[in-house]
Amino acid sequence: MVQALVNISEQANQVLNIVKAKYNLKDKSQAIEVIAQEYEDNILEPQFKPAFIAKMQRIRKGKFTKVNSLNELLK
C-alpha cells in the first residue's frame, strides 16, 4: 500500500466526505479508492468493456448507405 500526503480543496474534501458517508467507509482513503475505481470503470478505456462492444455491434447492424464522396452524400 502506498501512502501519500495530499493537499485538496475544501470542495474536494466535501466530496470525499459525501462518498465516505454514502458507502459507509471508515476513512477518506477508502473514499479515494472508490472514486478512483469509478473513474477507471467509467472514463479509462471504456472502448474495451463488453457493454461498449455490444453497443458498437448493435450500431453496426443498422441500415447504412455507402457514398463515395461528399457531393454524393449531399445529394
PDB file of N, CA and C in Angstrom:
ATOM      1  N   MET A   1       0.841  -1.179   0.000  1.00  0.00           N
ATOM      2  CA  MET A   1       0.000   0.000   0.000  1.00  0.00           C
ATOM      3  C   MET A   1       0.884   1.240   0.000  1.00  0.00           C
ATOM      4  N   VAL A   2       0.493   2.198  -0.802  1.00  0.00           N
ATOM      5  CA  VAL A   2       1.224   3.453  -0.908  1.00  0.00           C
ATOM      6  C   VAL A   2       0.541   4.484  -0.020  1.00  0.00           C
ATOM      7  N   GLN A   3       1.339   5.255   0.684  1.00  0.00           N
ATOM      8  CA  GLN A   3       0.792   6.333   1.495  1.00  0.00           C
ATOM      9  C   GLN A   3       1.197   7.656   0.870  1.00  0.00           C
ATOM     10  N   ALA A   4       0.292   8.638   0.942  1.00  0.00           N
ATOM     11  CA  ALA A   4       0.584   9.946   0.370  1.00  0.00           C
ATOM     12  C   ALA A   4      -0.047  11.031   1.226  1.00  0.00           C
ATOM     13  N   LEU A   5       0.650  12.123   1.324  1.00  0.00           N
ATOM     14  CA  LEU A   5       0.123  13.310   1.981  1.00  0.00           C
ATOM     15  C   LEU A   5      -0.295  14.247   0.854  1.00  0.00           C
ATOM     16  N   VAL A   6      -1.574  14.601   0.810  1.00  0.00           N
ATOM     17  CA  VAL A   6      -2.082  15.411  -0.298  1.00  0.00           C
ATOM     18  C   VAL A   6      -2.750  16.673   0.220  1.00  0.00           C
ATOM     19  N   ASN A   7      -2.701  17.700  -0.600  1.00  0.00           N
ATOM     20  CA  ASN A   7      -3.428  18.938  -0.335  1.00  0.00           C
ATOM     21  C   ASN A   7      -4.611  18.980  -1.283  1.00  0.00           C
ATOM     22  N   ILE A   8      -5.819  19.111  -0.734  1.00  0.00           N
ATOM     23  CA  ILE A   8      -7.020  19.164  -1.556  1.00  0.00           C
ATOM     24  C   ILE A   8      -7.835  20.393  -1.179  1.00  0.00           C
ATOM     25  N   SER A   9      -8.681  20.791  -2.102  1.00  0.00           N
ATOM     26  CA  SER A   9      -9.531  21.958  -1.851  1.00  0.00           C
ATOM     27  C   SER A   9     -10.645  21.587  -0.870  1.00  0.00           C
ATOM     28  N   GLU A  10     -11.299  22.575  -0.366  1.00  0.00           N
ATOM     29  CA  GLU A  10     -12.416  22.361   0.556  1.00  0.00           C
ATOM     30  C   GLU A  10     -13.543  21.612  -0.154  1.00  0.00           C
ATOM     31  N   GLN A  11     -13.773  21.942  -1.414  1.00  0.00           N
ATOM     32  CA  GLN A  11     -14.820  21.262  -2.180  1.00  0.00           C
ATOM     33  C   GLN A  11     -14.481  19.777  -2.369  1.00  0.00           C
ATOM     34  N   ALA A  12     -13.229  19.465  -2.687  1.00  0.00           N
ATOM     35  CA  ALA A  12     -12.813  18.070  -2.828  1.00  0.00           C
ATOM     36  C   ALA A  12     -12.956  17.333  -1.499  1.00  0.00           C
ATOM     37  N   ASN A  13     -12.666  18.001  -0.425  1.00  0.00           N
ATOM     38  CA  ASN A  13     -12.826  17.415   0.904  1.00  0.00           C
ATOM     39  C   ASN A  13     -14.294  17.090   1.181  1.00  0.00           C
ATOM     40  N   GLN A  14     -15.182  17.980   0.774  1.00  0.00           N
ATOM     41  CA  GLN A  14     -16.612  17.742   0.966  1.00  0.00           C
ATOM     42  C   GLN A  14     -17.082  16.550   0.134  1.00  0.00           C
ATOM     43  N   VAL A  15     -16.565  16.456  -1.091  1.00  0.00           N
ATOM     44  CA  VAL A  15     -16.920  15.318  -1.946  1.00  0.00           C
ATOM     45  C   VAL A  15     -16.449  14.012  -1.306  1.00  0.00           C
ATOM     46  N   LEU A  16     -15.244  14.011  -0.781  1.00  0.00           N
ATOM     47  CA  LEU A  16     -14.732  12.816  -0.116  1.00  0.00           C
ATOM     48  C   LEU A  16     -15.603  12.442   1.083  1.00  0.00           C
ATOM     49  N   ASN A  17     -16.029  13.439   1.834  1.00  0.00           N
ATOM     50  CA  ASN A  17     -16.906  13.173   2.980  1.00  0.00           C
ATOM     51  C   ASN A  17     -18.241  12.592   2.534  1.00  0.00           C
ATOM     52  N   ILE A  18     -18.776  13.079   1.428  1.00  0.00           N
ATOM     53  CA  ILE A  18     -20.048  12.563   0.903  1.00  0.00           C
ATOM     54  C   ILE A  18     -19.891  11.113   0.461  1.00  0.00           C
ATOM     55  N   VAL A  19     -18.816  10.824  -0.273  1.00  0.00           N
ATOM     56  CA  VAL A  19     -18.558   9.451  -0.727  1.00  0.00           C
ATOM     57  C   VAL A  19     -18.357   8.537   0.480  1.00  0.00           C
ATOM     58  N   LYS A  20     -17.618   9.015   1.444  1.00  0.00           N
ATOM     59  CA  LYS A  20     -17.364   8.247   2.669  1.00  0.00           C
ATOM     60  C   LYS A  20     -18.674   7.899   3.366  1.00  0.00           C
ATOM     61  N   ALA A  21     -19.577   8.871   3.484  1.00  0.00           N
ATOM     62  CA  ALA A  21     -20.861   8.636   4.142  1.00  0.00           C
ATOM     63  C   ALA A  21     -21.770   7.746   3.297  1.00  0.00           C
ATOM     64  N   LYS A  22     -21.803   7.973   1.995  1.00  0.00           N
ATOM     65  CA  LYS A  22     -22.683   7.216   1.108  1.00  0.00           C
ATOM     66  C   LYS A  22     -22.353   5.730   1.137  1.00  0.00           C
ATOM     67  N   TYR A  23     -21.082   5.391   1.125  1.00  0.00           N
ATOM     68  CA  TYR A  23     -20.670   3.991   1.084  1.00  0.00           C
ATOM     69  C   TYR A  23     -20.309   3.432   2.467  1.00  0.00           C
ATOM     70  N   ASN A  24     -20.560   4.226   3.497  1.00  0.00           N
ATOM     71  CA  ASN A  24     -20.286   3.809   4.875  1.00  0.00           C
ATOM     72  C   ASN A  24     -18.835   3.347   5.041  1.00  0.00           C
ATOM     73  N   LEU A  25     -17.912   4.198   4.614  1.00  0.00           N
ATOM     74  CA  LEU A  25     -16.497   3.870   4.664  1.00  0.00           C
ATOM     75  C   LEU A  25     -15.886   4.365   5.971  1.00  0.00           C
ATOM     76  N   LYS A  26     -14.758   3.775   6.337  1.00  0.00           N
ATOM     77  CA  LYS A  26     -14.110   4.124   7.601  1.00  0.00           C
ATOM     78  C   LYS A  26     -13.301   5.407   7.513  1.00  0.00           C
ATOM     79  N   ASP A  27     -12.665   5.642   6.346  1.00  0.00           N
ATOM     80  CA  ASP A  27     -11.830   6.837   6.232  1.00  0.00           C
ATOM     81  C   ASP A  27     -11.796   7.352   4.795  1.00  0.00           C
ATOM     82  N   LYS A  28     -11.166   8.490   4.635  1.00  0.00           N
ATOM     83  CA  LYS A  28     -11.131   9.139   3.328  1.00  0.00           C
ATOM     84  C   LYS A  28     -10.277   8.381   2.317  1.00  0.00           C
ATOM     85  N   SER A  29      -9.317   7.599   2.783  1.00  0.00           N
ATOM     86  CA  SER A  29      -8.512   6.822   1.847  1.00  0.00           C
ATOM     87  C   SER A  29      -9.384   5.789   1.134  1.00  0.00           C
ATOM     88  N   GLN A  30     -10.350   5.231   1.836  1.00  0.00           N
ATOM     89  CA  GLN A  30     -11.275   4.310   1.192  1.00  0.00           C
ATOM     90  C   GLN A  30     -12.172   5.053   0.197  1.00  0.00           C
ATOM     91  N   ALA A  31     -12.539   6.293   0.521  1.00  0.00           N
ATOM     92  CA  ALA A  31     -13.334   7.110  -0.396  1.00  0.00           C
ATOM     93  C   ALA A  31     -12.544   7.401  -1.668  1.00  0.00           C
ATOM     94  N   ILE A  32     -11.263   7.684  -1.523  1.00  0.00           N
ATOM     95  CA  ILE A  32     -10.412   7.918  -2.688  1.00  0.00           C
ATOM     96  C   ILE A  32     -10.346   6.658  -3.540  1.00  0.00           C
ATOM     97  N   GLU A  33     -10.260   5.491  -2.905  1.00  0.00           N
ATOM     98  CA  GLU A  33     -10.244   4.218  -3.631  1.00  0.00           C
ATOM     99  C   GLU A  33     -11.522   4.039  -4.449  1.00  0.00           C
ATOM    100  N   VAL A  34     -12.671   4.345  -3.842  1.00  0.00           N
ATOM    101  CA  VAL A  34     -13.955   4.216  -4.534  1.00  0.00           C
ATOM    102  C   VAL A  34     -13.999   5.156  -5.732  1.00  0.00           C
ATOM    103  N   ILE A  35     -13.579   6.397  -5.541  1.00  0.00           N
ATOM    104  CA  ILE A  35     -13.586   7.376  -6.624  1.00  0.00           C
ATOM    105  C   ILE A  35     -12.644   6.942  -7.739  1.00  0.00           C
ATOM    106  N   ALA A  36     -11.466   6.457  -7.392  1.00  0.00           N
ATOM    107  CA  ALA A  36     -10.505   6.004  -8.396  1.00  0.00           C
ATOM    108  C   ALA A  36     -11.065   4.819  -9.177  1.00  0.00           C
ATOM    109  N   GLN A  37     -11.742   3.906  -8.499  1.00  0.00           N
ATOM    110  CA  GLN A  37     -12.329   2.752  -9.175  1.00  0.00           C
ATOM    111  C   GLN A  37     -13.440   3.178 -10.131  1.00  0.00           C
ATOM    112  N   GLU A  38     -14.285   4.102  -9.683  1.00  0.00           N
ATOM    113  CA  GLU A  38     -15.352   4.624 -10.548  1.00  0.00           C
ATOM    114  C   GLU A  38     -14.764   5.311 -11.776  1.00  0.00           C
ATOM    115  N   TYR A  39     -13.718   6.084 -11.582  1.00  0.00           N
ATOM    116  CA  TYR A  39     -13.054   6.764 -12.691  1.00  0.00           C
ATOM    117  C   TYR A  39     -12.515   5.736 -13.674  1.00  0.00           C
ATOM    118  N   GLU A  40     -11.867   4.715 -13.153  1.00  0.00           N
ATOM    119  CA  GLU A  40     -11.310   3.675 -14.023  1.00  0.00           C
ATOM    120  C   GLU A  40     -12.417   2.969 -14.803  1.00  0.00           C
ATOM    121  N   ASP A  41     -13.509   2.647 -14.122  1.00  0.00           N
ATOM    122  CA  ASP A  41     -14.601   1.920 -14.762  1.00  0.00           C
ATOM    123  C   ASP A  41     -15.322   2.743 -15.827  1.00  0.00           C
ATOM    124  N   ASN A  42     -15.469   4.044 -15.595  1.00  0.00           N
ATOM    125  CA  ASN A  42     -16.298   4.862 -16.477  1.00  0.00           C
ATOM    126  C   ASN A  42     -15.531   5.747 -17.450  1.00  0.00           C
ATOM    127  N   ILE A  43     -14.288   6.058 -17.177  1.00  0.00           N
ATOM    128  CA  ILE A  43     -13.555   7.006 -18.000  1.00  0.00           C
ATOM    129  C   ILE A  43     -12.420   6.351 -18.784  1.00  0.00           C
ATOM    130  N   LEU A  44     -11.618   5.563 -18.105  1.00  0.00           N
ATOM    131  CA  LEU A  44     -10.441   4.995 -18.742  1.00  0.00           C
ATOM    132  C   LEU A  44     -10.793   3.824 -19.652  1.00  0.00           C
ATOM    133  N   GLU A  45     -10.459   3.951 -20.896  1.00  0.00           N
ATOM    134  CA  GLU A  45     -10.589   2.903 -21.899  1.00  0.00           C
ATOM    135  C   GLU A  45     -11.932   2.170 -21.887  1.00  0.00           C
ATOM    136  N   PRO A  46     -13.045   2.905 -21.972  1.00  0.00           N
ATOM    137  CA  PRO A  46     -14.342   2.222 -21.994  1.00  0.00           C
ATOM    138  C   PRO A  46     -14.546   1.426 -23.277  1.00  0.00           C
ATOM    139  N   GLN A  47     -13.740   1.705 -24.311  1.00  0.00           N
ATOM    140  CA  GLN A  47     -13.910   1.017 -25.578  1.00  0.00           C
ATOM    141  C   GLN A  47     -13.624  -0.472 -25.487  1.00  0.00           C
ATOM    142  N   PHE A  48     -12.992  -0.945 -24.440  1.00  0.00           N
ATOM    143  CA  PHE A  48     -12.679  -2.353 -24.308  1.00  0.00           C
ATOM    144  C   PHE A  48     -13.668  -3.103 -23.419  1.00  0.00           C
ATOM    145  N   LYS A  49     -14.629  -2.420 -22.865  1.00  0.00           N
ATOM    146  CA  LYS A  49     -15.591  -3.061 -21.982  1.00  0.00           C
ATOM    147  C   LYS A  49     -16.632  -3.818 -22.806  1.00  0.00           C
ATOM    148  N   PRO A  50     -17.127  -4.934 -22.308  1.00  0.00           N
ATOM    149  CA  PRO A  50     -18.121  -5.724 -23.034  1.00  0.00           C
ATOM    150  C   PRO A  50     -19.377  -4.935 -23.393  1.00  0.00           C
ATOM    151  N   ALA A  51     -19.814  -4.057 -22.516  1.00  0.00           N
ATOM    152  CA  ALA A  51     -21.012  -3.259 -22.805  1.00  0.00           C
ATOM    153  C   ALA A  51     -20.769  -2.339 -23.995  1.00  0.00           C
ATOM    154  N   PHE A  52     -19.590  -1.762 -24.082  1.00  0.00           N
ATOM    155  CA  PHE A  52     -19.263  -0.879 -25.198  1.00  0.00           C
ATOM    156  C   PHE A  52     -19.208  -1.674 -26.498  1.00  0.00           C
ATOM    157  N   ILE A  53     -18.596  -2.841 -26.457  1.00  0.00           N
ATOM    158  CA  ILE A  53     -18.501  -3.680 -27.653  1.00  0.00           C
ATOM    159  C   ILE A  53     -19.889  -4.081 -28.131  1.00  0.00           C
ATOM    160  N   ALA A  54     -20.767  -4.462 -27.207  1.00  0.00           N
ATOM    161  CA  ALA A  54     -22.135  -4.833 -27.572  1.00  0.00           C
ATOM    162  C   ALA A  54     -22.869  -3.649 -28.200  1.00  0.00           C
ATOM    163  N   LYS A  55     -22.670  -2.464 -27.655  1.00  0.00           N
ATOM    164  CA  LYS A  55     -23.315  -1.262 -28.197  1.00  0.00           C
ATOM    165  C   LYS A  55     -22.829  -0.990 -29.613  1.00  0.00           C
ATOM    166  N   MET A  56     -21.542  -1.124 -29.847  1.00  0.00           N
ATOM    167  CA  MET A  56     -20.998  -0.895 -31.190  1.00  0.00           C
ATOM    168  C   MET A  56     -21.507  -1.942 -32.180  1.00  0.00           C
ATOM    169  N   GLN A  57     -21.679  -3.168 -31.731  1.00  0.00           N
ATOM    170  CA  GLN A  57     -22.212  -4.205 -32.611  1.00  0.00           C
ATOM    171  C   GLN A  57     -23.664  -3.932 -32.977  1.00  0.00           C
ATOM    172  N   ARG A  58     -24.450  -3.406 -32.023  1.00  0.00           N
ATOM    173  CA  ARG A  58     -25.837  -3.029 -32.336  1.00  0.00           C
ATOM    174  C   ARG A  58     -25.864  -1.907 -33.349  1.00  0.00           C
ATOM    175  N   ILE A  59     -24.977  -0.931 -33.200  1.00  0.00           N
ATOM    176  CA  ILE A  59     -24.920   0.192 -34.143  1.00  0.00           C
ATOM    177  C   ILE A  59     -24.510  -0.312 -35.518  1.00  0.00           C
ATOM    178  N   ARG A  60     -23.563  -1.215 -35.549  1.00  0.00           N
ATOM    179  CA  ARG A  60     -23.052  -1.748 -36.818  1.00  0.00           C
ATOM    180  C   ARG A  60     -24.148  -2.438 -37.620  1.00  0.00           C
ATOM    181  N   LYS A  61     -25.119  -3.049 -36.946  1.00  0.00           N
ATOM    182  CA  LYS A  61     -26.191  -3.776 -37.617  1.00  0.00           C
ATOM    183  C   LYS A  61     -27.241  -2.846 -38.222  1.00  0.00           C
ATOM    184  N   GLY A  62     -27.122  -1.559 -37.999  1.00  0.00           N
ATOM    185  CA  GLY A  62     -28.094  -0.598 -38.517  1.00  0.00           C
ATOM    186  C   GLY A  62     -28.043  -0.489 -40.035  1.00  0.00           C
ATOM    187  N   LYS A  63     -28.985   0.237 -40.621  1.00  0.00           N
ATOM    188  CA  LYS A  63     -29.042   0.426 -42.064  1.00  0.00           C
ATOM    189  C   LYS A  63     -28.174   1.610 -42.459  1.00  0.00           C
ATOM    190  N   PHE A  64     -27.277   1.361 -43.389  1.00  0.00           N
ATOM    191  CA  PHE A  64     -26.358   2.389 -43.847  1.00  0.00           C
ATOM    192  C   PHE A  64     -26.361   2.436 -45.362  1.00  0.00           C
ATOM    193  N   THR A  65     -26.069   3.584 -45.903  1.00  0.00           N
ATOM    194  CA  THR A  65     -25.932   3.753 -47.333  1.00  0.00           C
ATOM    195  C   THR A  65     -24.506   4.176 -47.624  1.00  0.00           C
ATOM    196  N   LYS A  66     -23.862   3.449 -48.545  1.00  0.00           N
ATOM    197  CA  LYS A  66     -22.481   3.755 -48.866  1.00  0.00           C
ATOM    198  C   LYS A  66     -22.437   4.904 -49.872  1.00  0.00           C
ATOM    199  N   VAL A  67     -21.588   5.901 -49.603  1.00  0.00           N
ATOM    200  CA  VAL A  67     -21.363   7.021 -50.511  1.00  0.00           C
ATOM    201  C   VAL A  67     -19.879   7.119 -50.798  1.00  0.00           C
ATOM    202  N   ASN A  68     -19.559   7.590 -51.991  1.00  0.00           N
ATOM    203  CA  ASN A  68     -18.162   7.668 -52.410  1.00  0.00           C
ATOM    204  C   ASN A  68     -17.567   9.063 -52.254  1.00  0.00           C
ATOM    205  N   SER A  69     -18.423  10.052 -52.092  1.00  0.00           N
ATOM    206  CA  SER A  69     -17.908  11.413 -51.968  1.00  0.00           C
ATOM    207  C   SER A  69     -18.871  12.256 -51.151  1.00  0.00           C
ATOM    208  N   LEU A  70     -18.388  13.407 -50.750  1.00  0.00           N
ATOM    209  CA  LEU A  70     -19.221  14.337 -50.005  1.00  0.00           C
ATOM    210  C   LEU A  70     -20.354  14.858 -50.880  1.00  0.00           C
ATOM    211  N   ASN A  71     -20.072  15.122 -52.127  1.00  0.00           N
ATOM    212  CA  ASN A  71     -21.107  15.600 -53.047  1.00  0.00           C
ATOM    213  C   ASN A  71     -22.220  14.585 -53.187  1.00  0.00           C
ATOM    214  N   GLU A  72     -21.868  13.310 -53.270  1.00  0.00           N
ATOM    215  CA  GLU A  72     -22.869  12.267 -53.371  1.00  0.00           C
ATOM    216  C   GLU A  72     -23.714  12.219 -52.099  1.00  0.00           C
ATOM    217  N   LEU A  73     -23.102  12.437 -50.973  1.00  0.00           N
ATOM    218  CA  LEU A  73     -23.812  12.448 -49.697  1.00  0.00           C
ATOM    219  C   LEU A  73     -24.790  13.623 -49.648  1.00  0.00           C
ATOM    220  N   LEU A  74     -24.381  14.769 -50.126  1.00  0.00           N
ATOM    221  CA  LEU A  74     -25.209  15.964 -50.069  1.00  0.00           C
ATOM    222  C   LEU A  74     -26.406  15.908 -51.008  1.00  0.00           C
ATOM    223  N   LYS A  75     -26.353  15.057 -52.037  1.00  0.00           N
ATOM    224  CA  LYS A  75     -27.462  14.951 -52.991  1.00  0.00           C
ATOM    225  C   LYS A  75     -28.622  14.280 -52.398  1.00  0.00           C
TER     226      LYS A  75
END
